[in-house]
PDB file of all heavy atoms in Angstrom:
ATOM      1  N   CYS A   1     119.000  93.809  90.047  1.00  0.00           N
ATOM      2  CA  CYS A   1     120.303  93.577  90.690  1.00  0.00           C
ATOM      3  C   CYS A   1     120.511  94.351  91.983  1.00  0.00           C
ATOM      4  O   CYS A   1     121.553  94.209  92.620  1.00  0.00           O
ATOM      5  CB  CYS A   1     121.431  93.936  89.711  1.00  0.00           C
ATOM      6  SG  CYS A   1     121.421  92.964  88.196  1.00  0.00           S
ATOM      7  N   LYS A   2     119.533  95.189  92.375  1.00  0.00           N
ATOM      8  CA  LYS A   2     119.759  96.052  93.532  1.00  0.00           C
ATOM      9  C   LYS A   2     118.595  96.044  94.515  1.00  0.00           C
ATOM     10  O   LYS A   2     117.435  96.002  94.116  1.00  0.00           O
ATOM     11  CB  LYS A   2     119.993  97.508  93.070  1.00  0.00           C
ATOM     12  CG  LYS A   2     121.328  97.739  92.390  1.00  0.00           C
ATOM     13  CD  LYS A   2     122.482  97.621  93.378  1.00  0.00           C
ATOM     14  CE  LYS A   2     123.823  97.890  92.729  1.00  0.00           C
ATOM     15  NZ  LYS A   2     124.937  97.720  93.695  1.00  0.00           N
ATOM     16  N   VAL A   3     118.917  96.120  95.795  1.00  0.00           N
ATOM     17  CA  VAL A   3     117.909  96.333  96.821  1.00  0.00           C
ATOM     18  C   VAL A   3     117.592  97.827  96.880  1.00  0.00           C
ATOM     19  O   VAL A   3     118.302  98.644  96.289  1.00  0.00           O
ATOM     20  CB  VAL A   3     118.393  95.830  98.194  1.00  0.00           C
ATOM     21  CG1 VAL A   3     118.741  94.359  98.137  1.00  0.00           C
ATOM     22  CG2 VAL A   3     119.578  96.651  98.698  1.00  0.00           C
ATOM     23  N   CYS A   4     116.526  98.181  97.597  1.00  0.00           N
ATOM     24  CA  CYS A   4     116.120  99.586  97.730  1.00  0.00           C
ATOM     25  C   CYS A   4     116.276 100.037  99.183  1.00  0.00           C
ATOM     26  O   CYS A   4     115.701  99.409 100.077  1.00  0.00           O
ATOM     27  CB  CYS A   4     114.663  99.773  97.320  1.00  0.00           C
ATOM     28  SG  CYS A   4     114.283  99.326  95.631  1.00  0.00           S
ATOM     29  N   ILE A   5     117.012 101.106  99.393  1.00  0.00           N
ATOM     30  CA  ILE A   5     117.135 101.693 100.733  1.00  0.00           C
ATOM     31  C   ILE A   5     116.062 102.772 100.832  1.00  0.00           C
ATOM     32  O   ILE A   5     116.190 103.852 100.258  1.00  0.00           O
ATOM     33  CB  ILE A   5     118.536 102.289 100.968  1.00  0.00           C
ATOM     34  CG1 ILE A   5     119.624 101.311 100.528  1.00  0.00           C
ATOM     35  CG2 ILE A   5     118.680 102.685 102.443  1.00  0.00           C
ATOM     36  CD1 ILE A   5     119.566  99.969 101.203  1.00  0.00           C
ATOM     37  N   LEU A   6     114.981 102.489 101.562  1.00  0.00           N
ATOM     38  CA  LEU A   6     113.845 103.402 101.610  1.00  0.00           C
ATOM     39  C   LEU A   6     113.900 104.361 102.794  1.00  0.00           C
ATOM     40  O   LEU A   6     113.204 105.366 102.804  1.00  0.00           O
ATOM     41  CB  LEU A   6     112.540 102.611 101.645  1.00  0.00           C
ATOM     42  CG  LEU A   6     112.256 101.780 100.391  1.00  0.00           C
ATOM     43  CD1 LEU A   6     110.918 101.077 100.517  1.00  0.00           C
ATOM     44  CD2 LEU A   6     112.273 102.644  99.149  1.00  0.00           C
ATOM     45  N   LYS A   7     114.705 104.022 103.784  1.00  0.00           N
ATOM     46  CA  LYS A   7     114.821 104.892 104.951  1.00  0.00           C
ATOM     47  C   LYS A   7     116.176 104.658 105.596  1.00  0.00           C
ATOM     48  O   LYS A   7     116.588 103.517 105.765  1.00  0.00           O
ATOM     49  CB  LYS A   7     113.700 104.600 105.951  1.00  0.00           C
ATOM     50  CG  LYS A   7     113.609 105.564 107.121  1.00  0.00           C
ATOM     51  CD  LYS A   7     112.427 105.220 108.017  1.00  0.00           C
ATOM     52  CE  LYS A   7     112.311 106.189 109.172  1.00  0.00           C
ATOM     53  NZ  LYS A   7     113.548 106.205 110.019  1.00  0.00           N
ATOM     54  N   GLU A   8     116.864 105.725 105.914  1.00  0.00           N
ATOM     55  CA  GLU A   8     118.148 105.617 106.603  1.00  0.00           C
ATOM     56  C   GLU A   8     117.918 105.570 108.110  1.00  0.00           C
ATOM     57  O   GLU A   8     116.940 106.118 108.630  1.00  0.00           O
ATOM     58  CB  GLU A   8     119.042 106.812 106.247  1.00  0.00           C
ATOM     59  CG  GLU A   8     119.453 106.875 104.782  1.00  0.00           C
ATOM     60  CD  GLU A   8     120.441 105.793 104.387  1.00  0.00           C
ATOM     61  OE1 GLU A   8     120.950 105.071 105.279  1.00  0.00           O
ATOM     62  OE2 GLU A   8     120.707 105.650 103.177  1.00  0.00           O
ATOM     63  N   GLY A   9     118.815 104.906 108.816  1.00  0.00           N
ATOM     64  CA  GLY A   9     118.711 104.828 110.267  1.00  0.00           C
ATOM     65  C   GLY A   9     119.985 104.257 110.860  1.00  0.00           C
ATOM     66  O   GLY A   9     120.788 103.651 110.149  1.00  0.00           O
ATOM     67  N   LYS A  10     120.148 104.409 112.168  1.00  0.00           N
ATOM     68  CA  LYS A  10     121.400 103.976 112.798  1.00  0.00           C
ATOM     69  C   LYS A  10     121.206 102.908 113.886  1.00  0.00           C
ATOM     70  O   LYS A  10     122.165 102.263 114.299  1.00  0.00           O
ATOM     71  CB  LYS A  10     122.142 105.180 113.388  1.00  0.00           C
ATOM     72  CG  LYS A  10     121.409 105.916 114.495  1.00  0.00           C
ATOM     73  CD  LYS A  10     122.233 107.088 114.992  1.00  0.00           C
ATOM     74  CE  LYS A  10     121.624 107.771 116.205  1.00  0.00           C
ATOM     75  NZ  LYS A  10     120.248 108.253 116.012  1.00  0.00           N
ATOM     76  N   ASP A  11     119.969 102.698 114.355  1.00  0.00           N
ATOM     77  CA  ASP A  11     119.746 101.737 115.436  1.00  0.00           C
ATOM     78  C   ASP A  11     119.655 100.297 114.946  1.00  0.00           C
ATOM     79  O   ASP A  11     120.109  99.371 115.629  1.00  0.00           O
ATOM     80  CB  ASP A  11     118.462 102.070 116.200  1.00  0.00           C
ATOM     81  CG  ASP A  11     118.616 103.301 117.069  1.00  0.00           C
ATOM     82  OD1 ASP A  11     119.748 103.573 117.517  1.00  0.00           O
ATOM     83  OD2 ASP A  11     117.613 104.002 117.295  1.00  0.00           O
ATOM     84  N   ALA A  12     119.033 100.091 113.781  1.00  0.00           N
ATOM     85  CA  ALA A  12     118.837  98.742 113.260  1.00  0.00           C
ATOM     86  C   ALA A  12     118.517  98.806 111.777  1.00  0.00           C
ATOM     87  O   ALA A  12     117.966  99.798 111.285  1.00  0.00           O
ATOM     88  CB  ALA A  12     117.707  98.040 114.004  1.00  0.00           C
ATOM     89  N   SER A  13     118.876  97.736 111.072  1.00  0.00           N
ATOM     90  CA  SER A  13     118.493  97.575 109.671  1.00  0.00           C
ATOM     91  C   SER A  13     117.343  96.578 109.616  1.00  0.00           C
ATOM     92  O   SER A  13     117.493  95.431 110.031  1.00  0.00           O
ATOM     93  CB  SER A  13     119.668  97.043 108.844  1.00  0.00           C
ATOM     94  OG  SER A  13     120.759  97.930 108.851  1.00  0.00           O
ATOM     95  N   VAL A  14     116.195  97.016 109.121  1.00  0.00           N
ATOM     96  CA  VAL A  14     115.052  96.127 108.968  1.00  0.00           C
ATOM     97  C   VAL A  14     114.919  95.781 107.488  1.00  0.00           C
ATOM     98  O   VAL A  14     114.768  96.660 106.643  1.00  0.00           O
ATOM     99  CB  VAL A  14     113.755  96.763 109.493  1.00  0.00           C
ATOM    100  CG1 VAL A  14     112.580  95.799 109.307  1.00  0.00           C
ATOM    101  CG2 VAL A  14     113.907  97.132 110.965  1.00  0.00           C
ATOM    102  N   ILE A  15     114.984  94.494 107.190  1.00  0.00           N
ATOM    103  CA  ILE A  15     115.000  94.006 105.812  1.00  0.00           C
ATOM    104  C   ILE A  15     113.701  93.269 105.549  1.00  0.00           C
ATOM    105  O   ILE A  15     113.329  92.350 106.288  1.00  0.00           O
ATOM    106  CB  ILE A  15     116.213  93.085 105.572  1.00  0.00           C
ATOM    107  CG1 ILE A  15     117.507  93.853 105.868  1.00  0.00           C
ATOM    108  CG2 ILE A  15     116.217  92.535 104.160  1.00  0.00           C
ATOM    109  CD1 ILE A  15     118.772  93.009 105.766  1.00  0.00           C
ATOM    110  N   THR A  16     112.997  93.642 104.490  1.00  0.00           N
ATOM    111  CA  THR A  16     111.683  93.078 104.223  1.00  0.00           C
ATOM    112  C   THR A  16     111.364  93.157 102.734  1.00  0.00           C
ATOM    113  O   THR A  16     112.170  93.624 101.926  1.00  0.00           O
ATOM    114  CB  THR A  16     110.615  93.810 105.067  1.00  0.00           C
ATOM    115  OG1 THR A  16     109.358  93.141 104.936  1.00  0.00           O
ATOM    116  CG2 THR A  16     110.473  95.265 104.635  1.00  0.00           C
ATOM    117  N   ASN A  17     110.168  92.704 102.365  1.00  0.00           N
ATOM    118  CA  ASN A  17     109.669  92.828 100.986  1.00  0.00           C
ATOM    119  C   ASN A  17     108.175  92.522 100.977  1.00  0.00           C
ATOM    120  O   ASN A  17     107.572  92.247 102.013  1.00  0.00           O
ATOM    121  CB  ASN A  17     110.438  91.909 100.022  1.00  0.00           C
ATOM    122  CG  ASN A  17     110.339  90.437 100.375  1.00  0.00           C
ATOM    123  OD1 ASN A  17     109.453  90.009 101.113  1.00  0.00           O
ATOM    124  ND2 ASN A  17     111.257  89.645  99.857  1.00  0.00           N
ATOM    125  N   GLY A  18     107.559  92.573  99.796  1.00  0.00           N
ATOM    126  CA  GLY A  18     106.143  92.236  99.677  1.00  0.00           C
ATOM    127  C   GLY A  18     105.245  93.097 100.540  1.00  0.00           C
ATOM    128  O   GLY A  18     105.539  94.262 100.825  1.00  0.00           O
ATOM    129  N   GLU A  19     104.138  92.503 100.989  1.00  0.00           N
ATOM    130  CA  GLU A  19     103.135  93.236 101.772  1.00  0.00           C
ATOM    131  C   GLU A  19     103.682  93.847 103.053  1.00  0.00           C
ATOM    132  O   GLU A  19     103.209  94.895 103.499  1.00  0.00           O
ATOM    133  CB  GLU A  19     101.995  92.293 102.163  1.00  0.00           C
ATOM    134  CG  GLU A  19     101.138  91.804 101.030  1.00  0.00           C
ATOM    135  CD  GLU A  19     100.238  90.686 101.510  1.00  0.00           C
ATOM    136  OE1 GLU A  19     100.731  89.548 101.597  1.00  0.00           O
ATOM    137  OE2 GLU A  19      99.065  90.962 101.795  1.00  0.00           O
ATOM    138  N   THR A  20     104.647  93.201 103.657  1.00  0.00           N
ATOM    139  CA  THR A  20     105.121  93.673 104.958  1.00  0.00           C
ATOM    140  C   THR A  20     105.970  94.934 104.860  1.00  0.00           C
ATOM    141  O   THR A  20     106.247  95.566 105.879  1.00  0.00           O
ATOM    142  CB  THR A  20     105.911  92.575 105.696  1.00  0.00           C
ATOM    143  OG1 THR A  20     106.913  92.030 104.825  1.00  0.00           O
ATOM    144  CG2 THR A  20     104.977  91.459 106.145  1.00  0.00           C
ATOM    145  N   LEU A  21     106.376  95.325 103.653  1.00  0.00           N
ATOM    146  CA  LEU A  21     107.153  96.558 103.518  1.00  0.00           C
ATOM    147  C   LEU A  21     106.363  97.757 104.027  1.00  0.00           C
ATOM    148  O   LEU A  21     106.887  98.598 104.768  1.00  0.00           O
ATOM    149  CB  LEU A  21     107.585  96.774 102.063  1.00  0.00           C
ATOM    150  CG  LEU A  21     108.322  98.090 101.783  1.00  0.00           C
ATOM    151  CD1 LEU A  21     109.581  98.219 102.631  1.00  0.00           C
ATOM    152  CD2 LEU A  21     108.664  98.210 100.303  1.00  0.00           C
ATOM    153  N   ALA A  22     105.098  97.859 103.654  1.00  0.00           N
ATOM    154  CA  ALA A  22     104.273  98.986 104.103  1.00  0.00           C
ATOM    155  C   ALA A  22     104.129  98.972 105.626  1.00  0.00           C
ATOM    156  O   ALA A  22     104.210 100.029 106.275  1.00  0.00           O
ATOM    157  CB  ALA A  22     102.896  98.924 103.452  1.00  0.00           C
ATOM    158  N   GLU A  23     103.943  97.785 106.197  1.00  0.00           N
ATOM    159  CA  GLU A  23     103.799  97.675 107.651  1.00  0.00           C
ATOM    160  C   GLU A  23     105.079  98.108 108.362  1.00  0.00           C
ATOM    161  O   GLU A  23     105.039  98.789 109.397  1.00  0.00           O
ATOM    162  CB  GLU A  23     103.439  96.238 108.036  1.00  0.00           C
ATOM    163  CG  GLU A  23     102.194  95.684 107.366  1.00  0.00           C
ATOM    164  CD  GLU A  23     100.924  96.419 107.733  1.00  0.00           C
ATOM    165  OE1 GLU A  23     100.834  96.928 108.877  1.00  0.00           O
ATOM    166  OE2 GLU A  23     100.013  96.488 106.884  1.00  0.00           O
ATOM    167  N   VAL A  24     106.219  97.723 107.809  1.00  0.00           N
ATOM    168  CA  VAL A  24     107.511  98.098 108.398  1.00  0.00           C
ATOM    169  C   VAL A  24     107.714  99.609 108.322  1.00  0.00           C
ATOM    170  O   VAL A  24     108.162 100.237 109.284  1.00  0.00           O
ATOM    171  CB  VAL A  24     108.665  97.363 107.683  1.00  0.00           C
ATOM    172  CG1 VAL A  24     110.015  97.997 108.037  1.00  0.00           C
ATOM    173  CG2 VAL A  24     108.666  95.888 108.058  1.00  0.00           C
ATOM    174  N   LEU A  25     107.386 100.214 107.196  1.00  0.00           N
ATOM    175  CA  LEU A  25     107.571 101.654 107.039  1.00  0.00           C
ATOM    176  C   LEU A  25     106.708 102.445 108.025  1.00  0.00           C
ATOM    177  O   LEU A  25     107.153 103.445 108.598  1.00  0.00           O
ATOM    178  CB  LEU A  25     107.244 102.070 105.599  1.00  0.00           C
ATOM    179  CG  LEU A  25     108.289 101.690 104.550  1.00  0.00           C
ATOM    180  CD1 LEU A  25     107.736 101.882 103.144  1.00  0.00           C
ATOM    181  CD2 LEU A  25     109.568 102.499 104.728  1.00  0.00           C
ATOM    182  N   ILE A  26     105.475 101.991 108.238  1.00  0.00           N
ATOM    183  CA  ILE A  26     104.596 102.660 109.198  1.00  0.00           C
ATOM    184  C   ILE A  26     105.149 102.507 110.619  1.00  0.00           C
ATOM    185  O   ILE A  26     105.197 103.474 111.390  1.00  0.00           O
ATOM    186  CB  ILE A  26     103.164 102.084 109.109  1.00  0.00           C
ATOM    187  CG1 ILE A  26     102.541 102.442 107.760  1.00  0.00           C
ATOM    188  CG2 ILE A  26     102.300 102.601 110.251  1.00  0.00           C
ATOM    189  CD1 ILE A  26     101.246 101.695 107.468  1.00  0.00           C
TER     190      ILE A  26
END
């Protein structure tokens, strides 16, 4: 029932899942 907030930030919210999550975090 919940999404995961893995990193806080103020410039933009990047929303992803699956394989691309690791790429986004890097």
